Amino acid sequence: MTPNLPAPRSFTASLFAQLSALSAPPSRTPSSNPLNDAPAALKNVFLTLHCLFPNELLAALDLLDRRLVTRLVVSCPRVDEACGPHVSRDNAVYYVRSSQPTRASRYAAAGGSSYEVRLKAWNCSCPAFTFSAVNAMEENGVHGGDVDVDGLEEGSIDAESGSDYGGLMLEAGAVPLCKHLLACFLAEKCGMFSGFVEERVVGREEAAGWAAGWGD
């Protein structure tokens, strides 16, 4: 009798949930490798993730190690001005600077290109994520953008696992991924990497500037 295997998304979400539970608090010296003193159980989870994402995991860790990830938190004015501005990290936006050298051009930004990552929407603006999303749609049998919500498997939306892997996607199968998205997801869910991300609290105008490509 063939055992009932979990859906790919559910299995991967369980790994990230373990990663979040086993993750140690951020190191006082962020320059050191947080994985050196990690327990064996945590290292085993990383080894499993490396088997699942051989091209993305090491590249994502490299982005974090090189401090190329920025978390943008938008400060919105309150109705009651006496209370001061309201800061919510629920809808934080990430920007990841490219690790690849850009072609020399007088029109190019001095800091190179950067990509916008939104974890709830599960989206990255890089070309690699676009290709991954197309492949995931074909693998999941989704064509034309129509999704039958009533026909989804029970538990396909893994919102209670605490991992949020896949964001608000409805499909239970393959989940598109790139190194930028994985780096941001690790920073969000794995406490040991929180010190490797620069967080900025900005206003709406500055956030719009970042979205337009005028960030640092």
C-alpha atoms as a PDB file:
ATOM      1  CA  MET A   1       0.000   0.000   0.000  1.00  0.00           C
ATOM      2  CA  THR A   2       1.441   3.355  -1.023  1.00  0.00           C
ATOM      3  CA  PRO A   3       1.639   5.786   1.919  1.00  0.00           C
ATOM      4  CA  ASN A   4      -0.035   9.161   1.621  1.00  0.00           C
ATOM      5  CA  LEU A   5       2.788  11.576   0.888  1.00  0.00           C
ATOM      6  CA  PRO A   6       2.403  15.245   1.829  1.00  0.00           C
ATOM      7  CA  ALA A   7       2.032  17.831  -0.895  1.00  0.00           C
ATOM      8  CA  PRO A   8       5.330  19.502  -1.870  1.00  0.00           C
ATOM      9  CA  ARG A   9       4.303  22.799  -0.329  1.00  0.00           C
ATOM     10  CA  SER A  10       3.197  21.221   2.945  1.00  0.00           C
ATOM     11  CA  PHE A  11       6.424  19.231   3.244  1.00  0.00           C
ATOM     12  CA  THR A  12       8.619  22.261   2.585  1.00  0.00           C
ATOM     13  CA  ALA A  13       6.516  24.405   4.931  1.00  0.00           C
ATOM     14  CA  SER A  14       7.083  21.871   7.715  1.00  0.00           C
ATOM     15  CA  LEU A  15      10.846  22.152   7.186  1.00  0.00           C
ATOM     16  CA  PHE A  16      10.749  25.928   7.485  1.00  0.00           C
ATOM     17  CA  ALA A  17       8.543  25.618  10.577  1.00  0.00           C
ATOM     18  CA  GLN A  18      11.226  23.402  12.144  1.00  0.00           C
ATOM     19  CA  LEU A  19      13.852  25.916  11.094  1.00  0.00           C
ATOM     20  CA  SER A  20      11.959  28.708  12.820  1.00  0.00           C
ATOM     21  CA  ALA A  21      11.464  26.661  15.989  1.00  0.00           C
ATOM     22  CA  LEU A  22      15.084  25.497  16.223  1.00  0.00           C
ATOM     23  CA  SER A  23      16.664  28.801  15.247  1.00  0.00           C
ATOM     24  CA  ALA A  24      18.789  30.412  17.921  1.00  0.00           C
ATOM     25  CA  PRO A  25      18.483  34.119  18.778  1.00  0.00           C
ATOM     26  CA  PRO A  26      20.639  36.476  16.738  1.00  0.00           C
ATOM     27  CA  SER A  27      24.321  36.463  17.564  1.00  0.00           C
ATOM     28  CA  ARG A  28      25.868  39.442  19.319  1.00  0.00           C
ATOM     29  CA  THR A  29      28.544  39.407  16.634  1.00  0.00           C
ATOM     30  CA  PRO A  30      26.633  39.237  13.318  1.00  0.00           C
ATOM     31  CA  SER A  31      29.908  39.027  11.401  1.00  0.00           C
ATOM     32  CA  SER A  32      30.393  35.450  12.619  1.00  0.00           C
ATOM     33  CA  ASN A  33      28.798  32.457  10.928  1.00  0.00           C
ATOM     34  CA  PRO A  34      25.603  31.650  12.885  1.00  0.00           C
ATOM     35  CA  LEU A  35      25.630  28.079  11.585  1.00  0.00           C
ATOM     36  CA  ASN A  36      28.931  27.216  13.279  1.00  0.00           C
ATOM     37  CA  ASP A  37      27.321  26.745  16.686  1.00  0.00           C
ATOM     38  CA  ALA A  38      23.948  25.534  15.409  1.00  0.00           C
ATOM     39  CA  PRO A  39      22.596  22.292  16.915  1.00  0.00           C
ATOM     40  CA  ALA A  40      22.736  19.107  14.870  1.00  0.00           C
ATOM     41  CA  ALA A  41      18.965  19.083  14.336  1.00  0.00           C
ATOM     42  CA  LEU A  42      19.105  22.551  12.783  1.00  0.00           C
ATOM     43  CA  LYS A  43      21.999  21.601  10.520  1.00  0.00           C
ATOM     44  CA  ASN A  44      20.040  18.550   9.353  1.00  0.00           C
ATOM     45  CA  VAL A  45      17.141  20.794   8.321  1.00  0.00           C
ATOM     46  CA  PHE A  46      19.526  22.982   6.340  1.00  0.00           C
ATOM     47  CA  LEU A  47      20.992  19.908   4.638  1.00  0.00           C
ATOM     48  CA  THR A  48      17.493  18.809   3.638  1.00  0.00           C
ATOM     49  CA  LEU A  49      16.709  22.284   2.301  1.00  0.00           C
ATOM     50  CA  HIS A  50      19.955  22.225   0.334  1.00  0.00           C
ATOM     51  CA  CYS A  51      18.832  18.971  -1.304  1.00  0.00           C
ATOM     52  CA  LEU A  52      15.517  20.604  -2.240  1.00  0.00           C
ATOM     53  CA  PHE A  53      17.039  23.923  -3.356  1.00  0.00           C
ATOM     54  CA  PRO A  54      20.627  23.194  -4.450  1.00  0.00           C
ATOM     55  CA  ASN A  55      20.853  26.356  -6.554  1.00  0.00           C
ATOM     56  CA  GLU A  56      19.006  28.791  -4.307  1.00  0.00           C
ATOM     57  CA  LEU A  57      19.962  28.064  -0.684  1.00  0.00           C
ATOM     58  CA  LEU A  58      23.696  28.765  -0.802  1.00  0.00           C
ATOM     59  CA  ALA A  59      23.106  31.825  -2.994  1.00  0.00           C
ATOM     60  CA  ALA A  60      20.501  33.111  -0.514  1.00  0.00           C
ATOM     61  CA  LEU A  61      22.882  32.635   2.413  1.00  0.00           C
ATOM     62  CA  ASP A  62      25.552  34.489   0.438  1.00  0.00           C
ATOM     63  CA  LEU A  63      23.198  37.452  -0.028  1.00  0.00           C
ATOM     64  CA  LEU A  64      22.601  37.577   3.722  1.00  0.00           C
ATOM     65  CA  ASP A  65      26.282  37.198   4.512  1.00  0.00           C
ATOM     66  CA  ARG A  66      27.144  40.117   2.219  1.00  0.00           C
ATOM     67  CA  ARG A  67      24.449  42.331   3.805  1.00  0.00           C
ATOM     68  CA  LEU A  68      22.633  42.857   0.508  1.00  0.00           C
ATOM     69  CA  VAL A  69      19.115  42.603   1.990  1.00  0.00           C
ATOM     70  CA  THR A  70      17.162  45.642   3.210  1.00  0.00           C
ATOM     71  CA  ARG A  71      13.788  45.495   4.980  1.00  0.00           C
ATOM     72  CA  LEU A  72      11.608  48.554   4.411  1.00  0.00           C
ATOM     73  CA  VAL A  73       8.945  49.291   7.036  1.00  0.00           C
ATOM     74  CA  VAL A  74       6.506  52.042   6.112  1.00  0.00           C
ATOM     75  CA  SER A  75       5.519  54.504   8.831  1.00  0.00           C
ATOM     76  CA  CYS A  76       1.949  55.731   8.315  1.00  0.00           C
ATOM     77  CA  PRO A  77       0.481  58.796  10.062  1.00  0.00           C
ATOM     78  CA  ARG A  78      -2.241  58.097  12.622  1.00  0.00           C
ATOM     79  CA  VAL A  79      -5.635  59.762  12.669  1.00  0.00           C
ATOM     80  CA  ASP A  80      -4.756  61.019  16.136  1.00  0.00           C
ATOM     81  CA  GLU A  81      -1.537  62.966  15.573  1.00  0.00           C
ATOM     82  CA  ALA A  82      -0.814  63.011  19.310  1.00  0.00           C
ATOM     83  CA  CYS A  83      -0.090  59.272  19.190  1.00  0.00           C
ATOM     84  CA  GLY A  84       2.654  59.684  16.607  1.00  0.00           C
ATOM     85  CA  PRO A  85       3.153  57.681  13.421  1.00  0.00           C
ATOM     86  CA  HIS A  86       2.097  54.037  13.221  1.00  0.00           C
ATOM     87  CA  VAL A  87       4.751  51.482  12.281  1.00  0.00           C
ATOM     88  CA  SER A  88       3.625  47.999  11.185  1.00  0.00           C
ATOM     89  CA  ARG A  89       6.019  45.267  10.120  1.00  0.00           C
ATOM     90  CA  ASP A  90       3.245  43.023   8.808  1.00  0.00           C
ATOM     91  CA  ASN A  91       3.538  44.463   5.303  1.00  0.00           C
ATOM     92  CA  ALA A  92       7.286  45.012   5.190  1.00  0.00           C
ATOM     93  CA  VAL A  93       8.877  45.133   1.748  1.00  0.00           C
ATOM     94  CA  TYR A  94      12.342  43.777   1.060  1.00  0.00           C
ATOM     95  CA  TYR A  95      14.880  45.062  -1.433  1.00  0.00           C
ATOM     96  CA  VAL A  96      17.828  42.879  -2.390  1.00  0.00           C
ATOM     97  CA  ARG A  97      20.800  44.381  -4.157  1.00  0.00           C
ATOM     98  CA  SER A  98      22.108  42.323  -7.030  1.00  0.00           C
ATOM     99  CA  SER A  99      25.231  40.280  -6.341  1.00  0.00           C
ATOM    100  CA  GLN A 100      26.096  40.269 -10.047  1.00  0.00           C
ATOM    101  CA  PRO A 101      28.167  43.066 -11.592  1.00  0.00           C
ATOM    102  CA  THR A 102      26.129  45.324 -13.844  1.00  0.00           C
ATOM    103  CA  ARG A 103      27.138  46.469 -17.304  1.00  0.00           C
ATOM    104  CA  ALA A 104      28.870  49.829 -17.277  1.00  0.00           C
ATOM    105  CA  SER A 105      26.535  52.588 -18.416  1.00  0.00           C
ATOM    106  CA  ARG A 106      26.202  56.274 -17.661  1.00  0.00           C
ATOM    107  CA  TYR A 107      22.464  55.683 -17.178  1.00  0.00           C
ATOM    108  CA  ALA A 108      22.900  52.880 -14.626  1.00  0.00           C
ATOM    109  CA  ALA A 109      22.556  53.565 -10.926  1.00  0.00           C
ATOM    110  CA  ALA A 110      25.817  53.680  -9.033  1.00  0.00           C
ATOM    111  CA  GLY A 111      24.723  50.951  -6.621  1.00  0.00           C
ATOM    112  CA  GLY A 112      23.665  48.496  -9.299  1.00  0.00           C
ATOM    113  CA  SER A 113      20.244  46.911  -9.658  1.00  0.00           C
ATOM    114  CA  SER A 114      18.003  45.766  -6.825  1.00  0.00           C
ATOM    115  CA  TYR A 115      14.927  43.556  -6.696  1.00  0.00           C
ATOM    116  CA  GLU A 116      11.705  44.040  -4.750  1.00  0.00           C
ATOM    117  CA  VAL A 117      10.513  41.093  -2.669  1.00  0.00           C
ATOM    118  CA  ARG A 118       7.087  40.776  -1.037  1.00  0.00           C
ATOM    119  CA  LEU A 119       6.650  37.710   1.150  1.00  0.00           C
ATOM    120  CA  LYS A 120       2.858  37.820   1.543  1.00  0.00           C
ATOM    121  CA  ALA A 121       2.349  38.145  -2.195  1.00  0.00           C
ATOM    122  CA  TRP A 122       5.223  35.663  -2.662  1.00  0.00           C
ATOM    123  CA  ASN A 123       6.790  37.643  -5.442  1.00  0.00           C
ATOM    124  CA  CYS A 124      10.195  38.885  -6.542  1.00  0.00           C
ATOM    125  CA  SER A 125      10.832  41.263  -9.422  1.00  0.00           C
ATOM    126  CA  CYS A 126      13.867  39.327 -10.709  1.00  0.00           C
ATOM    127  CA  PRO A 127      13.773  37.339 -13.997  1.00  0.00           C
ATOM    128  CA  ALA A 128      14.666  34.074 -12.237  1.00  0.00           C
ATOM    129  CA  PHE A 129      11.464  34.192 -10.192  1.00  0.00           C
ATOM    130  CA  THR A 130       9.408  34.784 -13.335  1.00  0.00           C
ATOM    131  CA  PHE A 131      10.809  31.640 -14.937  1.00  0.00           C
ATOM    132  CA  SER A 132      10.272  29.704 -11.717  1.00  0.00           C
ATOM    133  CA  ALA A 133       6.652  30.896 -11.506  1.00  0.00           C
ATOM    134  CA  VAL A 134       5.936  29.776 -15.078  1.00  0.00           C
ATOM    135  CA  ASN A 135       7.435  26.353 -14.395  1.00  0.00           C
ATOM    136  CA  ALA A 136       5.433  26.025 -11.176  1.00  0.00           C
ATOM    137  CA  MET A 137       2.193  26.864 -12.992  1.00  0.00           C
ATOM    138  CA  GLU A 138       2.867  24.162 -15.572  1.00  0.00           C
ATOM    139  CA  GLU A 139       3.767  21.642 -12.880  1.00  0.00           C
ATOM    140  CA  ASN A 140       0.627  22.464 -10.892  1.00  0.00           C
ATOM    141  CA  GLY A 141      -1.539  22.281 -14.010  1.00  0.00           C
ATOM    142  CA  VAL A 142      -2.626  25.918 -13.750  1.00  0.00           C
ATOM    143  CA  HIS A 143      -3.252  27.563 -17.109  1.00  0.00           C
ATOM    144  CA  GLY A 144      -4.803  30.914 -17.885  1.00  0.00           C
ATOM    145  CA  GLY A 145      -4.771  32.127 -14.276  1.00  0.00           C
ATOM    146  CA  ASP A 146      -8.082  30.523 -13.245  1.00  0.00           C
ATOM    147  CA  VAL A 147      -7.989  28.778  -9.871  1.00  0.00           C
ATOM    148  CA  ASP A 148     -10.868  26.663  -8.563  1.00  0.00           C
ATOM    149  CA  VAL A 149     -10.873  27.522  -4.858  1.00  0.00           C
ATOM    150  CA  ASP A 150     -13.562  24.938  -4.075  1.00  0.00           C
ATOM    151  CA  GLY A 151     -11.430  22.229  -5.649  1.00  0.00           C
ATOM    152  CA  LEU A 152      -8.336  22.841  -3.565  1.00  0.00           C
ATOM    153  CA  GLU A 153      -7.150  20.095  -1.260  1.00  0.00           C
ATOM    154  CA  GLU A 154      -7.830  20.504   2.433  1.00  0.00           C
ATOM    155  CA  GLY A 155      -4.763  22.015   4.070  1.00  0.00           C
ATOM    156  CA  SER A 156      -3.350  23.266   0.784  1.00  0.00           C
ATOM    157  CA  ILE A 157      -3.099  26.771   2.229  1.00  0.00           C
ATOM    158  CA  ASP A 158      -0.628  26.202   5.042  1.00  0.00           C
ATOM    159  CA  ALA A 159      -1.485  29.228   7.141  1.00  0.00           C
ATOM    160  CA  GLU A 160      -1.424  27.533  10.546  1.00  0.00           C
ATOM    161  CA  SER A 161       2.053  26.013  10.286  1.00  0.00           C
ATOM    162  CA  GLY A 162       3.694  29.290  11.221  1.00  0.00           C
ATOM    163  CA  SER A 163       6.006  29.165   8.239  1.00  0.00           C
ATOM    164  CA  ASP A 164       3.906  31.116   5.701  1.00  0.00           C
ATOM    165  CA  TYR A 165       5.831  29.372   2.949  1.00  0.00           C
ATOM    166  CA  GLY A 166       4.245  30.371  -0.343  1.00  0.00           C
ATOM    167  CA  GLY A 167       2.524  33.454   1.067  1.00  0.00           C
ATOM    168  CA  LEU A 168      -1.062  33.802  -0.125  1.00  0.00           C
ATOM    169  CA  MET A 169      -0.692  31.322  -2.986  1.00  0.00           C
ATOM    170  CA  LEU A 170      -3.570  28.850  -3.198  1.00  0.00           C
ATOM    171  CA  GLU A 171      -1.817  25.939  -4.888  1.00  0.00           C
ATOM    172  CA  ALA A 172      -0.569  23.052  -2.748  1.00  0.00           C
ATOM    173  CA  GLY A 173       2.020  21.854  -5.272  1.00  0.00           C
ATOM    174  CA  ALA A 174       5.194  23.496  -6.514  1.00  0.00           C
ATOM    175  CA  VAL A 175       6.021  26.946  -5.151  1.00  0.00           C
ATOM    176  CA  PRO A 176       8.144  29.328  -7.260  1.00  0.00           C
ATOM    177  CA  LEU A 177      11.361  30.468  -5.639  1.00  0.00           C
ATOM    178  CA  CYS A 178      14.524  32.472  -6.286  1.00  0.00           C
ATOM    179  CA  LYS A 179      17.574  33.284  -4.178  1.00  0.00           C
ATOM    180  CA  HIS A 180      16.290  36.773  -3.337  1.00  0.00           C
ATOM    181  CA  LEU A 181      12.937  35.511  -2.064  1.00  0.00           C
ATOM    182  CA  LEU A 182      14.579  32.702  -0.105  1.00  0.00           C
ATOM    183  CA  ALA A 183      17.050  35.102   1.527  1.00  0.00           C
ATOM    184  CA  CYS A 184      14.219  37.373   2.679  1.00  0.00           C
ATOM    185  CA  PHE A 185      12.149  34.420   3.898  1.00  0.00           C
ATOM    186  CA  LEU A 186      15.082  33.108   5.938  1.00  0.00           C
ATOM    187  CA  ALA A 187      15.636  36.562   7.432  1.00  0.00           C
ATOM    188  CA  GLU A 188      11.944  36.808   8.347  1.00  0.00           C
ATOM    189  CA  LYS A 189      11.485  33.346   9.833  1.00  0.00           C
ATOM    190  CA  CYS A 190      14.937  32.368  11.097  1.00  0.00           C
ATOM    191  CA  GLY A 191      16.032  34.487  14.057  1.00  0.00           C
ATOM    192  CA  MET A 192      19.725  33.786  13.623  1.00  0.00           C
ATOM    193  CA  PHE A 193      19.750  35.785  10.367  1.00  0.00           C
ATOM    194  CA  SER A 194      17.912  38.867  11.627  1.00  0.00           C
ATOM    195  CA  GLY A 195      21.205  40.652  12.274  1.00  0.00           C
ATOM    196  CA  PHE A 196      22.204  40.279   8.636  1.00  0.00           C
ATOM    197  CA  VAL A 197      19.375  42.503   7.366  1.00  0.00           C
ATOM    198  CA  GLU A 198      19.309  46.289   7.415  1.00  0.00           C
ATOM    199  CA  GLU A 199      15.907  47.603   8.496  1.00  0.00           C
ATOM    200  CA  ARG A 200      14.736  51.087   7.589  1.00  0.00           C
ATOM    201  CA  VAL A 201      11.586  52.849   8.762  1.00  0.00           C
ATOM    202  CA  VAL A 202      10.495  55.193   5.984  1.00  0.00           C
ATOM    203  CA  GLY A 203       7.537  57.357   5.042  1.00  0.00           C
ATOM    204  CA  ARG A 204       5.210  56.776   2.126  1.00  0.00           C
ATOM    205  CA  GLU A 205       7.122  59.130  -0.157  1.00  0.00           C
ATOM    206  CA  GLU A 206      10.454  57.411   0.438  1.00  0.00           C
ATOM    207  CA  ALA A 207       8.832  53.989   0.050  1.00  0.00           C
ATOM    208  CA  ALA A 208       7.463  55.107  -3.315  1.00  0.00           C
ATOM    209  CA  GLY A 209      10.956  56.207  -4.281  1.00  0.00           C
ATOM    210  CA  TRP A 210      12.355  52.784  -3.461  1.00  0.00           C
ATOM    211  CA  ALA A 211       9.619  51.150  -5.535  1.00  0.00           C
ATOM    212  CA  ALA A 212      10.570  53.423  -8.437  1.00  0.00           C
ATOM    213  CA  GLY A 213      14.184  52.300  -8.193  1.00  0.00           C
ATOM    214  CA  TRP A 214      15.551  55.376  -6.432  1.00  0.00           C
ATOM    215  CA  GLY A 215      16.659  53.588  -3.269  1.00  0.00           C
ATOM    216  CA  ASP A 216      20.231  53.220  -2.127  1.00  0.00           C
END
